[in-house]
N, C-alpha and C. Protein backbone atom coordinates (compact mmCIF):
# COMPACT_ATOMS: atom_id res chain seq x y z
N MET A 1 69.61 -34.74 -3.59
CA MET A 1 69.95 -33.54 -4.33
C MET A 1 70.97 -33.90 -5.39
N LYS A 2 70.70 -33.53 -6.62
CA LYS A 2 71.58 -33.82 -7.74
C LYS A 2 72.74 -32.83 -7.81
N CYS A 3 73.92 -33.31 -8.14
CA CYS A 3 75.09 -32.44 -8.31
C CYS A 3 74.90 -31.60 -9.58
N PRO A 4 75.05 -30.28 -9.49
CA PRO A 4 74.88 -29.45 -10.69
C PRO A 4 75.99 -29.63 -11.72
N LYS A 5 77.12 -30.21 -11.30
CA LYS A 5 78.24 -30.38 -12.22
C LYS A 5 78.19 -31.71 -12.96
N CYS A 6 78.11 -32.81 -12.21
CA CYS A 6 78.18 -34.13 -12.86
C CYS A 6 76.83 -34.87 -12.88
N LYS A 7 75.81 -34.29 -12.24
CA LYS A 7 74.44 -34.84 -12.20
C LYS A 7 74.31 -36.11 -11.37
N ALA A 8 75.33 -36.44 -10.57
CA ALA A 8 75.24 -37.60 -9.69
C ALA A 8 74.20 -37.32 -8.61
N LYS A 9 73.57 -38.38 -8.13
CA LYS A 9 72.50 -38.22 -7.14
C LYS A 9 72.99 -38.40 -5.71
N THR A 10 74.28 -38.58 -5.53
CA THR A 10 74.81 -38.80 -4.19
C THR A 10 75.60 -37.57 -3.72
N THR A 11 75.02 -36.84 -2.79
CA THR A 11 75.68 -35.68 -2.21
C THR A 11 75.55 -35.76 -0.70
N ARG A 12 76.39 -35.02 -0.01
CA ARG A 12 76.27 -34.98 1.44
C ARG A 12 76.27 -33.53 1.90
N VAL A 13 75.60 -33.28 3.01
CA VAL A 13 75.51 -31.93 3.57
C VAL A 13 76.73 -31.71 4.45
N LEU A 14 77.47 -30.64 4.18
CA LEU A 14 78.64 -30.30 4.98
C LEU A 14 78.29 -29.34 6.11
N ASP A 15 77.33 -28.45 5.82
CA ASP A 15 76.99 -27.42 6.80
C ASP A 15 75.56 -26.94 6.54
N SER A 16 74.81 -26.68 7.60
CA SER A 16 73.46 -26.12 7.49
C SER A 16 73.35 -24.91 8.40
N ARG A 17 72.76 -23.85 7.88
CA ARG A 17 72.56 -22.63 8.68
C ARG A 17 71.21 -22.03 8.36
N GLU A 18 70.57 -21.49 9.38
CA GLU A 18 69.33 -20.76 9.16
C GLU A 18 69.66 -19.39 8.58
N THR A 19 68.85 -18.93 7.65
CA THR A 19 69.03 -17.60 7.07
C THR A 19 67.70 -16.87 7.09
N HIS A 20 67.76 -15.59 6.86
CA HIS A 20 66.57 -14.74 6.80
C HIS A 20 65.66 -14.95 8.01
N GLU A 21 66.27 -14.80 9.20
CA GLU A 21 65.53 -14.90 10.47
C GLU A 21 64.82 -16.24 10.61
N GLY A 22 65.46 -17.30 10.19
CA GLY A 22 64.89 -18.64 10.34
C GLY A 22 63.86 -19.01 9.30
N LYS A 23 63.71 -18.19 8.26
CA LYS A 23 62.70 -18.45 7.23
C LYS A 23 63.20 -19.42 6.16
N SER A 24 64.52 -19.62 6.11
CA SER A 24 65.06 -20.57 5.15
C SER A 24 66.33 -21.19 5.72
N THR A 25 66.78 -22.26 5.08
CA THR A 25 67.99 -22.95 5.51
C THR A 25 68.97 -23.01 4.35
N ARG A 26 70.20 -22.61 4.62
CA ARG A 26 71.28 -22.65 3.63
C ARG A 26 72.08 -23.91 3.91
N ARG A 27 72.26 -24.72 2.88
CA ARG A 27 73.03 -25.96 3.04
C ARG A 27 74.22 -25.96 2.10
N ARG A 28 75.38 -26.25 2.64
CA ARG A 28 76.60 -26.42 1.85
C ARG A 28 76.73 -27.90 1.59
N ARG A 29 76.82 -28.29 0.33
CA ARG A 29 76.84 -29.70 -0.04
C ARG A 29 78.09 -30.05 -0.83
N GLU A 30 78.38 -31.36 -0.84
CA GLU A 30 79.51 -31.87 -1.63
C GLU A 30 79.05 -33.13 -2.36
N CYS A 31 79.38 -33.18 -3.65
CA CYS A 31 79.07 -34.36 -4.44
C CYS A 31 80.04 -35.47 -4.05
N LEU A 32 79.52 -36.66 -3.80
CA LEU A 32 80.37 -37.78 -3.42
C LEU A 32 81.11 -38.37 -4.62
N GLU A 33 80.65 -38.06 -5.83
CA GLU A 33 81.30 -38.57 -7.03
C GLU A 33 82.46 -37.69 -7.48
N CYS A 34 82.16 -36.39 -7.73
CA CYS A 34 83.18 -35.50 -8.32
C CYS A 34 83.78 -34.52 -7.31
N LYS A 35 83.28 -34.54 -6.07
CA LYS A 35 83.77 -33.68 -4.98
C LYS A 35 83.45 -32.19 -5.17
N TRP A 36 82.56 -31.85 -6.11
CA TRP A 36 82.15 -30.46 -6.35
C TRP A 36 81.34 -29.99 -5.14
N ARG A 37 81.60 -28.76 -4.70
CA ARG A 37 80.84 -28.19 -3.59
C ARG A 37 79.89 -27.12 -4.10
N PHE A 38 78.68 -27.13 -3.55
CA PHE A 38 77.68 -26.16 -3.98
C PHE A 38 76.73 -25.86 -2.82
N THR A 39 75.96 -24.80 -2.97
CA THR A 39 75.05 -24.35 -1.93
C THR A 39 73.61 -24.49 -2.39
N THR A 40 72.75 -24.93 -1.49
CA THR A 40 71.32 -24.98 -1.78
C THR A 40 70.58 -24.22 -0.68
N PHE A 41 69.39 -23.78 -0.99
CA PHE A 41 68.54 -23.10 -0.01
C PHE A 41 67.22 -23.83 0.07
N GLU A 42 66.73 -23.96 1.28
CA GLU A 42 65.47 -24.63 1.52
C GLU A 42 64.52 -23.63 2.19
N ARG A 43 63.34 -23.47 1.61
CA ARG A 43 62.32 -22.54 2.12
C ARG A 43 61.03 -23.29 2.36
N MET A 44 60.29 -22.86 3.37
CA MET A 44 58.99 -23.44 3.61
C MET A 44 58.06 -23.03 2.48
N GLU A 45 57.28 -23.98 1.99
CA GLU A 45 56.33 -23.65 0.93
C GLU A 45 55.04 -23.21 1.58
N HIS A 46 54.60 -22.03 1.20
CA HIS A 46 53.35 -21.48 1.73
C HIS A 46 52.25 -21.71 0.70
N ASN A 47 51.03 -21.48 1.14
CA ASN A 47 49.94 -21.51 0.17
C ASN A 47 50.26 -20.47 -0.89
N ASN A 48 50.22 -20.89 -2.11
CA ASN A 48 50.61 -19.99 -3.19
C ASN A 48 49.64 -18.84 -3.34
N LEU A 49 50.22 -17.67 -3.60
CA LEU A 49 49.43 -16.48 -3.82
C LEU A 49 48.93 -16.44 -5.26
N ILE A 50 47.85 -15.75 -5.46
CA ILE A 50 47.32 -15.49 -6.79
C ILE A 50 47.42 -13.98 -7.01
N VAL A 51 48.02 -13.57 -8.12
CA VAL A 51 48.16 -12.15 -8.43
C VAL A 51 47.02 -11.74 -9.34
N ILE A 52 46.32 -10.67 -8.94
CA ILE A 52 45.23 -10.12 -9.75
C ILE A 52 45.84 -9.02 -10.62
N LYS A 53 45.87 -9.27 -11.90
CA LYS A 53 46.47 -8.32 -12.85
C LYS A 53 45.56 -7.11 -13.06
N ARG A 54 46.08 -6.09 -13.71
CA ARG A 54 45.32 -4.86 -13.95
C ARG A 54 44.06 -5.10 -14.78
N ASN A 55 44.10 -6.10 -15.66
CA ASN A 55 42.92 -6.40 -16.49
C ASN A 55 41.96 -7.38 -15.80
N GLU A 56 42.17 -7.59 -14.48
CA GLU A 56 41.34 -8.46 -13.64
C GLU A 56 41.59 -9.96 -13.86
N SER A 57 42.52 -10.32 -14.76
CA SER A 57 42.85 -11.74 -14.88
C SER A 57 43.71 -12.13 -13.68
N ARG A 58 43.79 -13.42 -13.43
CA ARG A 58 44.55 -13.93 -12.29
C ARG A 58 45.60 -14.90 -12.77
N GLU A 59 46.75 -14.86 -12.11
CA GLU A 59 47.81 -15.82 -12.42
C GLU A 59 48.54 -16.17 -11.13
N PRO A 60 49.12 -17.36 -11.07
CA PRO A 60 49.86 -17.75 -9.86
C PRO A 60 51.07 -16.84 -9.65
N TYR A 61 51.35 -16.54 -8.39
CA TYR A 61 52.54 -15.78 -8.04
C TYR A 61 53.75 -16.66 -8.29
N VAL A 62 54.78 -16.09 -8.94
CA VAL A 62 56.01 -16.83 -9.23
C VAL A 62 57.18 -16.03 -8.66
N ARG A 63 57.79 -16.56 -7.61
CA ARG A 63 58.91 -15.88 -6.95
C ARG A 63 60.03 -15.56 -7.92
N GLU A 64 60.34 -16.49 -8.81
CA GLU A 64 61.44 -16.31 -9.75
C GLU A 64 61.19 -15.12 -10.68
N LYS A 65 59.94 -14.87 -11.02
CA LYS A 65 59.59 -13.74 -11.89
C LYS A 65 59.89 -12.41 -11.16
N VAL A 66 59.54 -12.34 -9.89
CA VAL A 66 59.84 -11.15 -9.09
C VAL A 66 61.34 -10.97 -8.96
N GLU A 67 62.05 -12.07 -8.68
CA GLU A 67 63.50 -12.01 -8.51
C GLU A 67 64.18 -11.54 -9.81
N LYS A 68 63.71 -12.05 -10.93
CA LYS A 68 64.28 -11.66 -12.22
C LYS A 68 64.08 -10.16 -12.46
N GLY A 69 62.90 -9.64 -12.14
CA GLY A 69 62.63 -8.21 -12.31
C GLY A 69 63.51 -7.36 -11.42
N ILE A 70 63.72 -7.80 -10.19
CA ILE A 70 64.58 -7.06 -9.27
C ILE A 70 66.02 -7.08 -9.77
N TRP A 71 66.49 -8.25 -10.21
CA TRP A 71 67.87 -8.34 -10.69
C TRP A 71 68.08 -7.50 -11.96
N ARG A 72 67.08 -7.43 -12.79
CA ARG A 72 67.19 -6.60 -13.99
C ARG A 72 67.40 -5.13 -13.59
N ALA A 73 66.67 -4.69 -12.58
CA ALA A 73 66.80 -3.31 -12.09
C ALA A 73 68.14 -3.10 -11.39
N CYS A 74 68.66 -4.14 -10.76
CA CYS A 74 69.90 -4.04 -9.97
C CYS A 74 71.15 -4.37 -10.76
N GLU A 75 71.01 -4.57 -12.07
CA GLU A 75 72.15 -4.95 -12.89
C GLU A 75 73.29 -3.95 -12.75
N LYS A 76 74.50 -4.47 -12.49
CA LYS A 76 75.73 -3.68 -12.32
C LYS A 76 75.66 -2.72 -11.14
N ARG A 77 74.84 -3.07 -10.14
CA ARG A 77 74.73 -2.28 -8.91
C ARG A 77 75.30 -3.12 -7.76
N PRO A 78 75.76 -2.48 -6.69
CA PRO A 78 76.35 -3.23 -5.57
C PRO A 78 75.27 -3.88 -4.68
N VAL A 79 74.57 -4.84 -5.24
CA VAL A 79 73.48 -5.52 -4.54
C VAL A 79 73.82 -7.01 -4.49
N THR A 80 73.60 -7.63 -3.32
CA THR A 80 73.94 -9.04 -3.15
C THR A 80 72.70 -9.93 -3.27
N GLN A 81 72.96 -11.21 -3.50
CA GLN A 81 71.88 -12.19 -3.55
C GLN A 81 71.13 -12.23 -2.23
N ALA A 82 71.86 -12.12 -1.13
CA ALA A 82 71.24 -12.15 0.20
C ALA A 82 70.27 -10.97 0.37
N GLN A 83 70.65 -9.81 -0.14
CA GLN A 83 69.76 -8.64 -0.04
C GLN A 83 68.48 -8.86 -0.85
N VAL A 84 68.62 -9.38 -2.05
CA VAL A 84 67.46 -9.64 -2.90
C VAL A 84 66.56 -10.70 -2.27
N ASP A 85 67.16 -11.78 -1.78
CA ASP A 85 66.38 -12.83 -1.12
C ASP A 85 65.64 -12.28 0.09
N GLY A 86 66.31 -11.43 0.86
CA GLY A 86 65.69 -10.83 2.03
C GLY A 86 64.51 -9.96 1.68
N ILE A 87 64.68 -9.14 0.64
CA ILE A 87 63.59 -8.27 0.18
C ILE A 87 62.38 -9.12 -0.22
N ILE A 88 62.62 -10.13 -1.03
CA ILE A 88 61.51 -10.95 -1.53
C ILE A 88 60.83 -11.70 -0.38
N SER A 89 61.60 -12.27 0.53
CA SER A 89 61.00 -12.99 1.66
C SER A 89 60.15 -12.06 2.52
N ASP A 90 60.67 -10.87 2.80
CA ASP A 90 59.91 -9.91 3.60
C ASP A 90 58.63 -9.49 2.89
N LEU A 91 58.74 -9.23 1.59
CA LEU A 91 57.56 -8.83 0.83
C LEU A 91 56.52 -9.96 0.78
N GLU A 92 56.98 -11.19 0.59
CA GLU A 92 56.03 -12.32 0.54
C GLU A 92 55.27 -12.44 1.86
N ASP A 93 55.96 -12.27 2.98
CA ASP A 93 55.28 -12.32 4.28
C ASP A 93 54.22 -11.23 4.36
N LYS A 94 54.58 -10.05 3.91
CA LYS A 94 53.65 -8.91 3.93
C LYS A 94 52.45 -9.19 3.02
N TRP A 95 52.72 -9.70 1.81
CA TRP A 95 51.66 -9.96 0.85
C TRP A 95 50.69 -11.03 1.34
N ARG A 96 51.19 -12.03 2.05
CA ARG A 96 50.33 -13.10 2.56
C ARG A 96 49.31 -12.56 3.56
N SER A 97 49.64 -11.44 4.19
CA SER A 97 48.69 -10.86 5.15
C SER A 97 47.44 -10.31 4.44
N TYR A 98 47.52 -10.12 3.12
CA TYR A 98 46.36 -9.66 2.34
C TYR A 98 45.40 -10.79 2.02
N GLY A 99 45.84 -12.03 2.21
CA GLY A 99 45.01 -13.18 1.88
C GLY A 99 45.61 -13.94 0.71
N LYS A 100 44.83 -14.80 0.12
CA LYS A 100 45.33 -15.66 -0.96
C LYS A 100 45.52 -14.89 -2.28
N GLU A 101 44.71 -13.87 -2.51
CA GLU A 101 44.81 -13.09 -3.74
C GLU A 101 45.32 -11.69 -3.42
N ILE A 102 46.21 -11.20 -4.29
CA ILE A 102 46.80 -9.89 -4.08
C ILE A 102 46.85 -9.13 -5.41
N PRO A 103 46.44 -7.87 -5.41
CA PRO A 103 46.50 -7.08 -6.65
C PRO A 103 47.94 -6.83 -7.08
N SER A 104 48.18 -6.82 -8.37
CA SER A 104 49.54 -6.64 -8.90
C SER A 104 50.12 -5.28 -8.54
N ASP A 105 49.26 -4.26 -8.34
CA ASP A 105 49.81 -2.96 -7.98
C ASP A 105 50.43 -2.97 -6.59
N ILE A 106 49.91 -3.80 -5.68
CA ILE A 106 50.52 -3.92 -4.35
C ILE A 106 51.87 -4.61 -4.47
N VAL A 107 51.98 -5.58 -5.36
CA VAL A 107 53.25 -6.27 -5.60
C VAL A 107 54.26 -5.27 -6.17
N GLY A 108 53.90 -4.56 -7.22
CA GLY A 108 54.82 -3.61 -7.86
C GLY A 108 55.24 -2.48 -6.93
N GLU A 109 54.28 -1.91 -6.21
CA GLU A 109 54.60 -0.81 -5.29
C GLU A 109 55.48 -1.29 -4.15
N GLY A 110 55.25 -2.51 -3.68
CA GLY A 110 56.08 -3.08 -2.62
C GLY A 110 57.51 -3.25 -3.06
N ILE A 111 57.69 -3.74 -4.27
CA ILE A 111 59.05 -3.91 -4.81
C ILE A 111 59.72 -2.55 -4.94
N MET A 112 59.00 -1.57 -5.46
CA MET A 112 59.59 -0.23 -5.62
C MET A 112 59.98 0.36 -4.27
N GLU A 113 59.13 0.20 -3.28
CA GLU A 113 59.42 0.73 -1.94
C GLU A 113 60.71 0.14 -1.39
N GLU A 114 60.87 -1.17 -1.54
CA GLU A 114 62.08 -1.83 -1.03
C GLU A 114 63.32 -1.45 -1.84
N LEU A 115 63.17 -1.33 -3.16
CA LEU A 115 64.31 -0.93 -3.99
C LEU A 115 64.75 0.50 -3.68
N LYS A 116 63.80 1.34 -3.36
CA LYS A 116 64.12 2.73 -3.02
C LYS A 116 65.02 2.79 -1.79
N LYS A 117 64.77 1.90 -0.82
CA LYS A 117 65.60 1.82 0.39
C LYS A 117 66.97 1.22 0.08
N LEU A 118 67.00 0.28 -0.85
CA LEU A 118 68.22 -0.47 -1.15
C LEU A 118 69.17 0.29 -2.08
N ASP A 119 68.64 0.78 -3.20
CA ASP A 119 69.49 1.39 -4.22
C ASP A 119 68.62 2.29 -5.10
N GLU A 120 68.87 3.58 -5.08
CA GLU A 120 68.02 4.52 -5.81
C GLU A 120 68.08 4.34 -7.32
N VAL A 121 69.23 3.93 -7.84
CA VAL A 121 69.34 3.69 -9.28
C VAL A 121 68.47 2.49 -9.68
N ALA A 122 68.53 1.44 -8.89
CA ALA A 122 67.70 0.27 -9.16
C ALA A 122 66.22 0.64 -9.06
N TYR A 123 65.90 1.49 -8.09
CA TYR A 123 64.51 1.94 -7.94
C TYR A 123 64.04 2.67 -9.19
N ILE A 124 64.85 3.60 -9.69
CA ILE A 124 64.47 4.36 -10.89
C ILE A 124 64.31 3.43 -12.09
N ARG A 125 65.22 2.48 -12.23
CA ARG A 125 65.12 1.52 -13.34
C ARG A 125 63.80 0.75 -13.26
N PHE A 126 63.49 0.23 -12.07
CA PHE A 126 62.27 -0.56 -11.91
C PHE A 126 61.04 0.32 -12.13
N ALA A 127 61.06 1.52 -11.54
CA ALA A 127 59.92 2.43 -11.67
C ALA A 127 59.68 2.83 -13.11
N SER A 128 60.75 3.01 -13.89
CA SER A 128 60.59 3.43 -15.28
C SER A 128 59.83 2.38 -16.10
N VAL A 129 60.03 1.12 -15.76
CA VAL A 129 59.32 0.05 -16.46
C VAL A 129 57.92 -0.12 -15.85
N TYR A 130 57.86 -0.18 -14.52
CA TYR A 130 56.58 -0.43 -13.85
C TYR A 130 55.57 0.68 -14.12
N ARG A 131 56.04 1.92 -14.09
CA ARG A 131 55.13 3.05 -14.29
C ARG A 131 55.09 3.51 -15.75
N SER A 132 55.79 2.80 -16.61
CA SER A 132 55.80 3.07 -18.06
C SER A 132 56.12 4.53 -18.38
N PHE A 133 57.28 5.00 -17.91
CA PHE A 133 57.69 6.36 -18.24
C PHE A 133 57.75 6.52 -19.74
N LYS A 134 57.11 7.54 -20.26
CA LYS A 134 57.03 7.76 -21.70
C LYS A 134 58.04 8.78 -22.20
N ASP A 135 58.52 9.66 -21.30
CA ASP A 135 59.41 10.73 -21.74
C ASP A 135 60.35 11.14 -20.61
N ILE A 136 61.26 12.05 -20.92
CA ILE A 136 62.26 12.50 -19.96
C ILE A 136 61.63 13.24 -18.79
N GLU A 137 60.50 13.88 -19.02
CA GLU A 137 59.82 14.60 -17.93
C GLU A 137 59.36 13.63 -16.84
N SER A 138 58.95 12.45 -17.23
CA SER A 138 58.53 11.45 -16.25
C SER A 138 59.71 11.05 -15.36
N PHE A 139 60.87 10.86 -15.97
CA PHE A 139 62.08 10.55 -15.21
C PHE A 139 62.43 11.70 -14.28
N GLN A 140 62.41 12.92 -14.81
CA GLN A 140 62.77 14.08 -14.00
C GLN A 140 61.84 14.24 -12.81
N GLN A 141 60.56 14.02 -13.01
CA GLN A 141 59.60 14.13 -11.92
C GLN A 141 59.91 13.11 -10.83
N GLU A 142 60.21 11.89 -11.24
CA GLU A 142 60.51 10.85 -10.25
C GLU A 142 61.82 11.16 -9.52
N LEU A 143 62.83 11.68 -10.24
CA LEU A 143 64.09 12.07 -9.60
C LEU A 143 63.87 13.19 -8.59
N GLU A 144 63.01 14.13 -8.92
CA GLU A 144 62.69 15.21 -7.98
C GLU A 144 62.00 14.66 -6.75
N ASN A 145 61.12 13.68 -6.93
CA ASN A 145 60.46 13.06 -5.79
C ASN A 145 61.46 12.38 -4.85
N ILE A 146 62.48 11.72 -5.43
CA ILE A 146 63.52 11.08 -4.63
C ILE A 146 64.32 12.14 -3.87
N LYS A 147 64.72 13.19 -4.56
CA LYS A 147 65.51 14.25 -3.92
C LYS A 147 64.76 14.89 -2.75
N ASN A 148 63.45 15.06 -2.90
CA ASN A 148 62.65 15.72 -1.88
C ASN A 148 62.21 14.81 -0.74
N SER A 149 62.46 13.52 -0.88
CA SER A 149 62.01 12.60 0.19
C SER A 149 63.11 12.28 1.17
């Protein structure tokens, strides 16, 4: 593992812990050259999913793309990296049960469902982009749905 600070290739593991119910391993590392400490995460690689887009085209599932979308919705909200990682890991397990290919609407709806539980503001932000709200009435309707649920 390369040091993110000095790029040296000699690091040592100080501590390892299982996270997300044993689905990943968190490692605390130290560079032997500059003594910088940093954290890495190790996840099992699964057969990659293929996302079927609305226009029927297919593209490989990219975890980082989902994470970026969630973080954009959660900007300036009290949400932690651990919460986001947990949401994505749980969703990926659920999505794999559909098989190798998964429609993009299942991906988007799954993210919205989890964001709704986590933070309603983040949910509204994500929904406004995912559902392409065109006007204030669309926002108001979605807010009413949240209030009534």
